[in-house]
N, C-alpha and C. Protein backbone atom coordinates (compact mmCIF):
# COMPACT_ATOMS: atom_id res chain seq x y z
N GLN A 1 0.85 -21.22 4.93
CA GLN A 1 2.02 -21.32 5.43
C GLN A 1 2.33 -19.87 6.31
N VAL A 2 1.74 -18.58 5.58
CA VAL A 2 1.91 -17.72 6.21
C VAL A 2 0.32 -16.97 5.98
N GLN A 3 -0.14 -16.44 7.07
CA GLN A 3 -1.26 -15.61 6.96
C GLN A 3 -1.41 -14.44 7.72
N LEU A 4 -1.82 -13.16 7.18
CA LEU A 4 -2.00 -11.88 7.64
C LEU A 4 -3.56 -11.93 8.18
N VAL A 5 -3.58 -11.62 9.38
CA VAL A 5 -5.08 -11.35 9.72
C VAL A 5 -5.34 -10.07 10.37
N GLU A 6 -5.92 -9.19 9.90
CA GLU A 6 -6.22 -7.64 10.05
C GLU A 6 -7.69 -7.70 10.87
N SER A 7 -7.13 -6.86 11.76
CA SER A 7 -8.64 -6.24 12.47
C SER A 7 -8.41 -4.80 12.84
N GLY A 8 -9.79 -4.46 13.41
CA GLY A 8 -9.84 -2.88 14.09
C GLY A 8 -10.26 -2.15 13.17
N GLY A 9 -10.63 -2.02 11.96
CA GLY A 9 -11.34 -0.93 11.26
C GLY A 9 -12.87 -0.87 11.64
N GLY A 10 -13.29 0.24 11.18
CA GLY A 10 -14.85 0.52 11.26
C GLY A 10 -15.01 1.87 10.79
N LEU A 11 -16.27 2.57 11.59
CA LEU A 11 -16.69 3.97 11.13
C LEU A 11 -16.27 4.73 12.48
N VAL A 12 -15.87 5.77 12.21
CA VAL A 12 -15.54 6.84 13.28
C VAL A 12 -15.76 8.15 12.33
N GLN A 13 -15.99 9.13 13.65
CA GLN A 13 -16.08 10.40 12.85
C GLN A 13 -14.83 11.19 12.63
N SER A 14 -14.99 12.23 11.75
CA SER A 14 -13.71 13.14 11.82
C SER A 14 -13.19 13.66 13.06
N GLY A 15 -11.58 13.43 13.10
CA GLY A 15 -11.06 13.63 14.26
C GLY A 15 -10.88 12.52 15.26
N GLY A 16 -11.57 11.52 15.07
CA GLY A 16 -11.44 10.38 15.97
C GLY A 16 -10.41 9.60 15.68
N SER A 17 -10.41 8.35 16.30
CA SER A 17 -9.03 7.44 16.35
C SER A 17 -9.42 5.98 16.24
N LEU A 18 -8.65 5.27 15.69
CA LEU A 18 -8.75 3.83 15.31
C LEU A 18 -7.56 3.14 15.40
N ARG A 19 -7.27 1.96 16.20
CA ARG A 19 -6.36 1.13 15.91
C ARG A 19 -6.32 0.18 15.07
N LEU A 20 -5.56 -0.19 14.02
CA LEU A 20 -5.71 -1.38 13.23
C LEU A 20 -4.41 -2.49 13.74
N SER A 21 -4.97 -3.53 13.52
CA SER A 21 -3.78 -4.61 14.01
C SER A 21 -3.46 -5.54 12.83
N CYS A 22 -2.39 -6.49 12.72
CA CYS A 22 -2.19 -7.29 11.73
C CYS A 22 -1.30 -8.27 12.39
N ALA A 23 -2.12 -9.18 12.83
CA ALA A 23 -1.50 -10.94 13.25
C ALA A 23 -0.78 -11.45 12.09
N VAL A 24 0.56 -11.58 12.11
CA VAL A 24 1.11 -12.58 11.24
C VAL A 24 1.30 -14.17 11.67
N VAL A 25 0.42 -15.30 11.09
CA VAL A 25 0.41 -16.37 11.54
C VAL A 25 1.41 -17.33 10.73
N PHE A 26 2.13 -17.97 11.42
CA PHE A 26 3.06 -18.91 10.91
C PHE A 26 2.90 -20.36 10.85
N THR A 27 3.15 -21.20 9.96
CA THR A 27 2.97 -22.61 10.25
C THR A 27 4.12 -23.44 10.45
N ARG A 28 5.45 -22.49 10.21
CA ARG A 28 6.92 -23.15 10.16
C ARG A 28 7.88 -21.94 10.26
N GLN A 29 8.90 -22.06 10.11
CA GLN A 29 9.95 -21.17 10.56
C GLN A 29 9.99 -20.09 9.50
N PHE A 30 9.82 -18.90 9.60
CA PHE A 30 9.66 -17.84 9.07
C PHE A 30 10.06 -16.49 9.90
N SER A 31 10.98 -15.41 9.42
CA SER A 31 11.12 -14.32 9.67
C SER A 31 10.78 -12.91 9.25
N ILE A 32 9.98 -12.11 10.23
CA ILE A 32 9.54 -10.89 9.18
C ILE A 32 10.70 -9.86 8.86
N SER A 33 10.85 -9.57 7.88
CA SER A 33 11.61 -8.89 7.52
C SER A 33 10.91 -7.04 7.87
N ALA A 34 9.90 -6.76 7.16
CA ALA A 34 9.36 -5.52 7.40
C ALA A 34 7.62 -5.94 6.96
N ILE A 35 7.02 -4.96 7.71
CA ILE A 35 5.45 -4.98 7.73
C ILE A 35 5.08 -3.33 7.59
N ALA A 36 4.14 -3.40 6.63
CA ALA A 36 3.73 -2.04 5.89
C ALA A 36 2.34 -2.40 5.93
N TRP A 37 1.60 -1.01 6.07
CA TRP A 37 0.22 -0.72 5.77
C TRP A 37 -0.05 0.00 4.61
N TYR A 38 -0.85 -0.58 3.84
CA TYR A 38 -1.40 0.20 2.44
C TYR A 38 -2.61 0.69 2.42
N ARG A 39 -3.25 1.35 1.74
CA ARG A 39 -4.75 1.92 1.66
C ARG A 39 -5.25 1.96 0.24
N GLN A 40 -6.46 1.38 0.03
CA GLN A 40 -7.03 1.60 -1.22
C GLN A 40 -8.30 2.35 -1.31
N ALA A 41 -8.65 3.75 -1.43
CA ALA A 41 -9.95 4.32 -1.46
C ALA A 41 -10.46 4.09 -2.89
N PRO A 42 -11.84 3.99 -3.10
CA PRO A 42 -12.57 3.82 -4.13
C PRO A 42 -12.34 4.60 -5.45
N GLY A 43 -12.12 4.00 -6.50
CA GLY A 43 -11.42 4.43 -7.60
C GLY A 43 -10.09 5.18 -7.60
N LYS A 44 -9.19 4.61 -6.70
CA LYS A 44 -7.80 4.97 -6.34
C LYS A 44 -6.94 3.83 -6.44
N GLN A 45 -5.58 4.14 -6.80
CA GLN A 45 -4.80 2.92 -6.62
C GLN A 45 -4.35 2.93 -5.33
N ARG A 46 -3.92 1.69 -4.61
CA ARG A 46 -3.33 1.58 -3.58
C ARG A 46 -2.16 2.00 -3.23
N GLU A 47 -2.19 2.79 -2.18
CA GLU A 47 -0.95 3.45 -1.43
C GLU A 47 -0.27 3.28 -0.44
N PHE A 48 0.56 3.41 -0.54
CA PHE A 48 1.70 3.07 1.01
C PHE A 48 1.36 4.19 1.88
N VAL A 49 1.42 3.71 3.22
CA VAL A 49 0.92 4.42 4.73
C VAL A 49 1.96 4.48 5.64
N ALA A 50 2.69 3.41 5.88
CA ALA A 50 3.34 3.50 6.97
C ALA A 50 4.11 1.89 6.76
N THR A 51 5.57 1.74 7.30
CA THR A 51 6.10 0.54 7.29
C THR A 51 6.88 0.51 8.78
N ILE A 52 7.31 -0.62 9.15
CA ILE A 52 8.27 -0.83 10.10
C ILE A 52 9.30 -2.07 9.83
N THR A 53 10.46 -1.78 10.24
CA THR A 53 11.20 -2.95 9.83
C THR A 53 11.63 -3.73 11.01
N SER A 54 12.30 -4.85 10.92
CA SER A 54 12.94 -5.82 11.90
C SER A 54 13.75 -5.04 13.02
N GLY A 55 14.47 -3.94 12.73
CA GLY A 55 15.21 -2.96 13.46
C GLY A 55 14.27 -1.95 13.97
N ASP A 56 13.01 -1.90 13.54
CA ASP A 56 12.11 -0.83 14.23
C ASP A 56 12.10 0.48 13.52
N SER A 57 12.83 0.34 12.35
CA SER A 57 12.87 1.81 11.54
C SER A 57 11.46 1.68 11.19
N THR A 58 10.95 3.01 11.12
CA THR A 58 9.61 3.49 10.70
C THR A 58 9.54 4.72 9.45
N ASN A 59 8.64 4.47 8.63
CA ASN A 59 8.40 5.47 7.48
C ASN A 59 7.14 5.44 7.26
N TYR A 60 6.82 6.80 7.00
CA TYR A 60 5.12 7.02 6.70
C TYR A 60 5.05 7.89 5.63
N ALA A 61 4.08 7.92 4.85
CA ALA A 61 3.33 8.57 4.03
C ALA A 61 3.36 10.11 4.42
N ASP A 62 3.71 11.20 3.63
CA ASP A 62 3.35 12.61 4.18
C ASP A 62 2.04 12.57 4.56
N SER A 63 1.13 12.16 4.02
CA SER A 63 -0.13 12.46 4.32
C SER A 63 -0.73 11.86 5.71
N VAL A 64 0.22 11.08 6.28
CA VAL A 64 -0.27 10.54 7.62
C VAL A 64 0.80 10.85 8.94
N LYS A 65 2.06 11.40 8.46
CA LYS A 65 3.02 12.14 9.46
C LYS A 65 2.41 12.55 10.38
N GLY A 66 2.91 12.39 11.63
CA GLY A 66 2.48 13.07 12.90
C GLY A 66 0.88 12.65 13.35
N ARG A 67 0.22 11.85 12.59
CA ARG A 67 -1.12 11.48 12.96
C ARG A 67 -1.14 9.72 13.09
N PHE A 68 -0.19 9.32 12.19
CA PHE A 68 -0.42 7.62 12.41
C PHE A 68 0.96 7.25 13.13
N THR A 69 0.83 6.10 13.67
CA THR A 69 1.96 5.49 14.47
C THR A 69 1.95 4.07 14.03
N ILE A 70 2.97 3.56 13.70
CA ILE A 70 3.08 2.14 13.46
C ILE A 70 4.13 1.53 14.57
N SER A 71 3.61 0.37 14.78
CA SER A 71 4.41 -0.53 16.03
C SER A 71 4.30 -1.76 15.70
N ARG A 72 5.22 -2.57 16.64
CA ARG A 72 5.25 -3.83 16.50
C ARG A 72 5.56 -4.47 17.75
N ASP A 73 4.83 -5.76 17.89
CA ASP A 73 5.14 -6.59 18.85
C ASP A 73 5.50 -8.28 18.55
N ASP A 74 6.91 -8.26 18.56
CA ASP A 74 7.74 -9.37 18.02
C ASP A 74 7.09 -10.63 18.83
N ASP A 75 6.77 -10.44 19.93
CA ASP A 75 6.32 -11.83 20.83
C ASP A 75 5.09 -12.40 20.40
N LYS A 76 4.23 -11.17 20.12
CA LYS A 76 2.80 -11.70 19.35
C LYS A 76 2.78 -11.95 17.88
N ASN A 77 4.10 -11.23 17.38
CA ASN A 77 3.93 -11.21 15.85
C ASN A 77 2.86 -10.63 15.28
N THR A 78 2.77 -9.31 16.23
CA THR A 78 1.59 -8.36 15.53
C THR A 78 2.15 -6.99 15.38
N VAL A 79 1.52 -6.37 14.42
CA VAL A 79 1.84 -5.03 13.95
C VAL A 79 0.69 -4.20 14.25
N SER A 80 0.80 -2.94 14.94
CA SER A 80 -0.55 -2.08 14.82
C SER A 80 -0.41 -0.96 14.35
N LEU A 81 -1.35 -0.12 13.80
CA LEU A 81 -1.64 1.26 13.32
C LEU A 81 -2.49 2.05 14.17
N LYS A 82 -1.94 2.91 14.89
CA LYS A 82 -2.68 3.64 15.57
C LYS A 82 -2.75 4.98 14.77
N MET A 83 -4.33 5.04 14.64
CA MET A 83 -4.64 6.58 13.51
C MET A 83 -5.35 7.44 14.20
N ASN A 84 -4.69 8.69 14.40
CA ASN A 84 -5.29 9.66 15.29
C ASN A 84 -5.64 10.89 14.10
N SER A 85 -6.60 11.83 14.95
CA SER A 85 -7.05 12.82 13.94
C SER A 85 -7.46 12.71 12.52
N LEU A 86 -8.15 11.46 12.78
CA LEU A 86 -8.56 10.78 11.18
C LEU A 86 -9.65 12.05 10.29
N LYS A 87 -9.06 11.87 9.07
CA LYS A 87 -10.09 12.79 8.27
C LYS A 87 -10.75 12.08 7.27
N PRO A 88 -11.96 12.74 6.55
CA PRO A 88 -12.92 11.80 5.64
C PRO A 88 -11.89 11.14 4.75
N GLU A 89 -10.65 11.79 4.10
CA GLU A 89 -10.01 11.49 3.14
C GLU A 89 -9.02 10.39 3.53
N ASP A 90 -9.26 9.86 4.80
CA ASP A 90 -8.32 8.35 5.14
C ASP A 90 -9.05 7.53 4.79
N THR A 91 -10.47 7.55 4.63
CA THR A 91 -11.37 6.37 4.25
C THR A 91 -10.76 5.77 3.38
N ALA A 92 -10.79 4.51 3.31
CA ALA A 92 -10.41 3.34 2.51
C ALA A 92 -10.23 1.94 2.92
N VAL A 93 -9.77 0.81 2.43
CA VAL A 93 -9.60 -0.15 2.96
C VAL A 93 -8.09 -0.43 3.24
N TYR A 94 -7.81 -0.54 4.29
CA TYR A 94 -6.51 -0.60 4.55
C TYR A 94 -5.91 -2.15 4.66
N TYR A 95 -4.77 -2.41 4.18
CA TYR A 95 -4.17 -3.84 3.82
C TYR A 95 -3.07 -3.83 4.55
N CYS A 96 -2.57 -4.64 5.28
CA CYS A 96 -1.38 -5.14 5.97
C CYS A 96 -0.19 -6.03 4.79
N HIS A 97 0.85 -5.93 5.02
CA HIS A 97 1.64 -6.20 3.93
C HIS A 97 3.00 -6.77 4.65
N ALA A 98 3.30 -7.71 4.45
CA ALA A 98 4.45 -8.40 5.00
C ALA A 98 5.54 -8.84 3.84
N ASN A 99 6.75 -8.58 4.24
CA ASN A 99 7.98 -9.37 3.74
C ASN A 99 8.57 -10.10 4.39
N ILE A 100 8.44 -11.52 4.41
CA ILE A 100 8.99 -12.66 5.23
C ILE A 100 10.08 -13.54 4.54
N LEU A 101 10.95 -13.77 5.56
CA LEU A 101 12.40 -14.79 5.01
C LEU A 101 11.61 -16.13 5.23
N ASP A 102 11.63 -17.09 4.33
CA ASP A 102 11.31 -18.22 4.65
C ASP A 102 12.78 -18.81 4.84
N TYR A 103 13.07 -19.53 6.16
CA TYR A 103 14.16 -20.12 6.61
C TYR A 103 14.33 -21.42 5.49
N GLY A 104 13.37 -22.30 5.60
CA GLY A 104 13.59 -23.46 4.66
C GLY A 104 14.17 -22.84 3.29
N THR A 105 13.73 -21.96 2.51
CA THR A 105 14.22 -21.92 1.11
C THR A 105 15.51 -20.82 0.93
N GLY A 106 15.47 -20.08 2.19
CA GLY A 106 16.42 -18.53 1.99
C GLY A 106 15.88 -17.60 1.08
N THR A 107 14.55 -17.70 0.92
CA THR A 107 14.24 -16.57 0.01
C THR A 107 12.92 -15.67 0.59
N TYR A 108 12.96 -14.53 0.23
CA TYR A 108 12.06 -13.51 0.54
C TYR A 108 10.51 -13.61 0.09
N HIS A 109 9.72 -13.40 0.57
CA HIS A 109 8.13 -13.62 -0.18
C HIS A 109 7.49 -12.27 0.71
N ASP A 110 6.49 -11.99 -0.68
CA ASP A 110 5.40 -10.69 0.02
C ASP A 110 3.89 -11.58 0.35
N TYR A 111 3.46 -11.00 1.48
CA TYR A 111 2.38 -11.36 1.60
C TYR A 111 1.19 -10.26 1.80
N TRP A 112 -0.35 -10.23 1.81
CA TRP A 112 -1.03 -9.49 1.89
C TRP A 112 -2.26 -9.89 2.71
N GLY A 113 -2.70 -9.04 3.67
CA GLY A 113 -3.93 -9.45 4.58
C GLY A 113 -5.13 -9.41 3.49
N GLN A 114 -6.46 -9.63 3.94
CA GLN A 114 -7.48 -9.20 3.30
C GLN A 114 -8.06 -7.95 3.22
N GLY A 115 -7.77 -7.14 4.05
CA GLY A 115 -8.02 -5.89 4.28
C GLY A 115 -9.38 -5.53 5.03
N THR A 116 -9.14 -4.40 5.95
CA THR A 116 -10.10 -3.84 6.44
C THR A 116 -10.71 -2.43 6.21
N GLN A 117 -11.90 -2.30 6.56
CA GLN A 117 -12.37 -1.01 5.95
C GLN A 117 -12.41 0.10 7.25
N VAL A 118 -11.87 0.99 6.67
CA VAL A 118 -11.74 2.39 7.60
C VAL A 118 -12.72 3.25 6.92
N THR A 119 -13.80 3.74 7.87
CA THR A 119 -14.76 5.09 7.13
C THR A 119 -14.59 6.41 8.10
N VAL A 120 -14.19 7.29 7.63
CA VAL A 120 -14.39 8.40 8.47
C VAL A 120 -15.34 9.47 8.04
N SER A 121 -16.32 9.51 8.86
CA SER A 121 -17.44 10.70 8.43
C SER A 121 -17.17 12.00 8.64
N SER A 122 -17.78 13.08 7.93
CA SER A 122 -17.30 14.50 8.31
C SER A 122 -18.25 14.98 9.25
């Protein structure tokens, strides 16, 4: 019914940039409430990175403020995460998360993407 498809990960040198994208694919009537990016480094818990609401309100983890920018394109049902000034400690698998309203049932549900690897070399 809902699928999150991530792209844009890869290997970059410290100080470089990457852009991640998350496409939300629907099969029937849904509305995106909020989309967020999380990341999980090896041996660590998954942590919040950034989120954007349906009203374009954004919030960032302190560790990425000023370096990462989240944006959304509602016409394409896509959310992007532009990552600048990357550091080795940004290395992780990045996951897209969406909170979506199902018009059919009137309920909200959470969905996760499959993850995309970001590796920053020093």
